């Protein structure tokens, strides 16, 4: 879609080691997608100016990535 980001993470998704969620935070909203072991590590978020994407791994903790503002 033209108004969405499709976020994927290359990471194993086993019962013992997986991403628990992917979240997108902008200046006025936060969207969280719950992920499950043995599922896909992917989510869709509406484009909303400058955003940060957060990923939480049950073993390695929280990761963050800045998404540049779309022009």
N, C-alpha and C. Protein backbone atom coordinates (compact mmCIF):
# COMPACT_ATOMS: atom_id res chain seq x y z
N UNK A 1 0.83 -1.18 0.00
CA UNK A 1 0.00 0.00 0.00
C UNK A 1 0.88 1.25 0.00
N UNK A 2 0.38 2.30 -0.58
CA UNK A 2 1.14 3.54 -0.67
C UNK A 2 1.17 4.32 0.63
N UNK A 3 0.21 4.08 1.53
CA UNK A 3 0.16 4.84 2.77
C UNK A 3 0.57 4.00 3.99
N UNK A 4 1.28 2.89 3.74
CA UNK A 4 1.69 2.01 4.82
C UNK A 4 3.16 1.62 4.70
N UNK A 5 3.76 1.37 5.85
CA UNK A 5 5.06 0.72 5.89
C UNK A 5 4.81 -0.76 6.14
N UNK A 6 5.52 -1.61 5.42
CA UNK A 6 5.49 -3.04 5.69
C UNK A 6 6.82 -3.36 6.35
N UNK A 7 6.79 -3.70 7.61
CA UNK A 7 8.00 -3.92 8.40
C UNK A 7 8.20 -5.43 8.57
N UNK A 8 9.38 -5.90 8.20
CA UNK A 8 9.74 -7.30 8.43
C UNK A 8 11.07 -7.36 9.17
N UNK A 9 11.24 -8.44 9.91
CA UNK A 9 12.47 -8.63 10.67
C UNK A 9 12.98 -10.02 10.38
N UNK A 10 14.25 -10.10 10.00
CA UNK A 10 14.87 -11.41 9.80
C UNK A 10 15.35 -11.90 11.16
N UNK A 11 14.61 -12.81 11.72
CA UNK A 11 14.89 -13.31 13.06
C UNK A 11 14.18 -14.63 13.21
N UNK A 12 14.80 -15.56 13.92
CA UNK A 12 14.12 -16.83 14.15
C UNK A 12 12.87 -16.59 15.00
N UNK A 13 11.85 -17.36 14.73
CA UNK A 13 10.59 -17.22 15.47
C UNK A 13 10.23 -18.60 16.05
N UNK A 14 11.08 -19.08 16.94
CA UNK A 14 10.86 -20.37 17.59
C UNK A 14 10.23 -20.13 18.97
N UNK A 15 9.72 -21.16 19.56
CA UNK A 15 9.09 -21.03 20.87
C UNK A 15 10.04 -20.49 21.92
N UNK A 16 11.32 -20.79 21.81
CA UNK A 16 12.29 -20.36 22.81
C UNK A 16 12.94 -19.02 22.50
N UNK A 17 12.85 -18.54 21.26
CA UNK A 17 13.53 -17.30 20.85
C UNK A 17 12.73 -16.64 19.73
N UNK A 18 12.10 -15.51 20.04
CA UNK A 18 11.23 -14.86 19.05
C UNK A 18 11.03 -13.38 19.40
N UNK A 19 10.52 -12.62 18.44
CA UNK A 19 10.11 -11.24 18.70
C UNK A 19 8.70 -11.27 19.26
N UNK A 20 8.48 -10.59 20.36
CA UNK A 20 7.18 -10.55 21.02
C UNK A 20 6.25 -9.51 20.38
N UNK A 21 6.83 -8.38 19.93
CA UNK A 21 6.02 -7.36 19.26
C UNK A 21 6.88 -6.48 18.38
N UNK A 22 6.21 -5.80 17.46
CA UNK A 22 6.78 -4.71 16.67
C UNK A 22 5.86 -3.52 16.92
N UNK A 23 6.43 -2.36 17.22
CA UNK A 23 5.64 -1.16 17.49
C UNK A 23 6.16 -0.01 16.65
N UNK A 24 5.25 0.89 16.27
CA UNK A 24 5.60 2.10 15.53
C UNK A 24 5.13 3.30 16.35
N UNK A 25 6.05 4.22 16.65
CA UNK A 25 5.72 5.40 17.44
C UNK A 25 5.99 6.65 16.62
N UNK A 26 5.01 7.53 16.56
CA UNK A 26 5.18 8.84 15.93
C UNK A 26 4.91 9.90 16.99
N UNK A 27 4.87 11.15 16.61
CA UNK A 27 4.69 12.23 17.59
C UNK A 27 3.31 12.21 18.23
N UNK A 28 2.32 11.59 17.59
CA UNK A 28 0.96 11.62 18.14
C UNK A 28 0.29 10.25 18.31
N UNK A 29 1.00 9.16 18.01
CA UNK A 29 0.37 7.85 18.19
C UNK A 29 1.39 6.74 18.32
N UNK A 30 0.89 5.62 18.85
CA UNK A 30 1.71 4.42 19.01
C UNK A 30 0.86 3.24 18.58
N UNK A 31 1.40 2.41 17.69
CA UNK A 31 0.71 1.21 17.23
C UNK A 31 1.58 0.01 17.54
N UNK A 32 0.96 -1.01 18.13
CA UNK A 32 1.70 -2.21 18.52
C UNK A 32 1.06 -3.42 17.87
N UNK A 33 1.90 -4.28 17.29
CA UNK A 33 1.43 -5.54 16.71
C UNK A 33 2.08 -6.67 17.49
N UNK A 34 1.26 -7.48 18.13
CA UNK A 34 1.73 -8.64 18.89
C UNK A 34 2.15 -9.72 17.91
N UNK A 35 3.32 -10.32 18.16
CA UNK A 35 3.82 -11.41 17.34
C UNK A 35 3.84 -12.69 18.18
N UNK A 36 3.80 -13.82 17.49
CA UNK A 36 3.74 -15.11 18.17
C UNK A 36 4.84 -16.03 17.69
N UNK A 37 5.33 -16.90 18.57
CA UNK A 37 6.34 -17.87 18.15
C UNK A 37 5.83 -18.69 16.98
N UNK A 38 6.74 -19.02 16.09
CA UNK A 38 6.46 -19.81 14.90
C UNK A 38 5.55 -19.09 13.89
N UNK A 39 5.34 -17.78 14.08
CA UNK A 39 4.62 -16.96 13.12
C UNK A 39 5.60 -16.11 12.33
N UNK A 40 5.09 -15.17 11.54
CA UNK A 40 5.93 -14.26 10.77
C UNK A 40 6.29 -13.04 11.62
N UNK A 41 7.51 -12.56 11.48
CA UNK A 41 7.95 -11.34 12.15
C UNK A 41 7.72 -10.18 11.19
N UNK A 42 6.45 -9.77 11.03
CA UNK A 42 6.09 -8.72 10.08
C UNK A 42 4.85 -7.97 10.57
N UNK A 43 4.74 -6.70 10.16
CA UNK A 43 3.59 -5.88 10.53
C UNK A 43 3.43 -4.75 9.52
N UNK A 44 2.24 -4.19 9.45
CA UNK A 44 1.95 -3.02 8.61
C UNK A 44 1.55 -1.85 9.51
N UNK A 45 2.10 -0.66 9.17
CA UNK A 45 1.79 0.55 9.93
C UNK A 45 1.50 1.68 8.96
N UNK A 46 0.52 2.52 9.30
CA UNK A 46 0.23 3.72 8.51
C UNK A 46 1.43 4.66 8.57
N UNK A 47 1.77 5.27 7.46
CA UNK A 47 2.86 6.24 7.42
C UNK A 47 2.40 7.49 8.16
N UNK A 48 3.23 7.96 9.09
CA UNK A 48 2.86 9.11 9.91
C UNK A 48 4.10 9.93 10.22
N UNK A 49 4.58 10.71 9.25
CA UNK A 49 5.74 11.57 9.47
C UNK A 49 6.96 10.77 9.89
N UNK A 50 7.77 11.36 10.75
CA UNK A 50 8.93 10.65 11.29
C UNK A 50 8.48 9.63 12.32
N UNK A 51 8.99 8.45 12.24
CA UNK A 51 8.57 7.39 13.16
C UNK A 51 9.78 6.64 13.69
N UNK A 52 9.56 5.98 14.78
CA UNK A 52 10.52 5.02 15.31
C UNK A 52 9.83 3.67 15.35
N UNK A 53 10.58 2.64 14.97
CA UNK A 53 10.07 1.28 15.01
C UNK A 53 10.79 0.57 16.16
N UNK A 54 10.02 -0.06 17.02
CA UNK A 54 10.56 -0.80 18.15
C UNK A 54 10.28 -2.29 17.95
N UNK A 55 11.27 -3.11 18.28
CA UNK A 55 11.15 -4.56 18.20
C UNK A 55 11.55 -5.10 19.57
N UNK A 56 10.81 -6.08 20.09
CA UNK A 56 11.20 -6.66 21.37
C UNK A 56 11.41 -8.16 21.23
N UNK A 57 12.64 -8.59 21.50
CA UNK A 57 13.03 -10.00 21.46
C UNK A 57 12.97 -10.55 22.88
N UNK A 58 12.41 -11.74 23.04
CA UNK A 58 12.28 -12.31 24.38
C UNK A 58 13.64 -12.67 25.00
N UNK A 59 14.69 -12.76 24.21
CA UNK A 59 16.03 -13.05 24.75
C UNK A 59 16.95 -11.83 24.75
N UNK A 60 16.91 -11.05 23.68
CA UNK A 60 17.90 -9.99 23.48
C UNK A 60 17.40 -8.59 23.84
N UNK A 61 16.13 -8.44 24.17
CA UNK A 61 15.62 -7.15 24.61
C UNK A 61 15.06 -6.28 23.49
N UNK A 62 15.06 -4.97 23.75
CA UNK A 62 14.42 -4.00 22.87
C UNK A 62 15.40 -3.41 21.86
N UNK A 63 14.96 -3.30 20.62
CA UNK A 63 15.72 -2.66 19.54
C UNK A 63 14.88 -1.50 19.01
N UNK A 64 15.53 -0.46 18.51
CA UNK A 64 14.81 0.67 17.94
C UNK A 64 15.48 1.10 16.64
N UNK A 65 14.67 1.56 15.69
CA UNK A 65 15.18 2.04 14.41
C UNK A 65 14.38 3.29 14.02
N UNK A 66 15.09 4.35 13.67
CA UNK A 66 14.46 5.59 13.21
C UNK A 66 14.08 5.45 11.76
N UNK A 67 12.86 5.86 11.40
CA UNK A 67 12.39 5.87 10.01
C UNK A 67 12.38 7.33 9.57
N UNK A 68 13.08 7.66 8.48
CA UNK A 68 13.11 9.07 8.05
C UNK A 68 11.73 9.56 7.61
N UNK A 69 11.54 10.85 7.74
CA UNK A 69 10.29 11.50 7.34
C UNK A 69 10.10 11.38 5.83
N UNK A 70 8.89 11.00 5.41
CA UNK A 70 8.59 10.91 3.98
C UNK A 70 8.28 12.30 3.44
N UNK A 71 8.74 12.57 2.24
CA UNK A 71 8.48 13.90 1.62
C UNK A 71 7.43 13.80 0.56
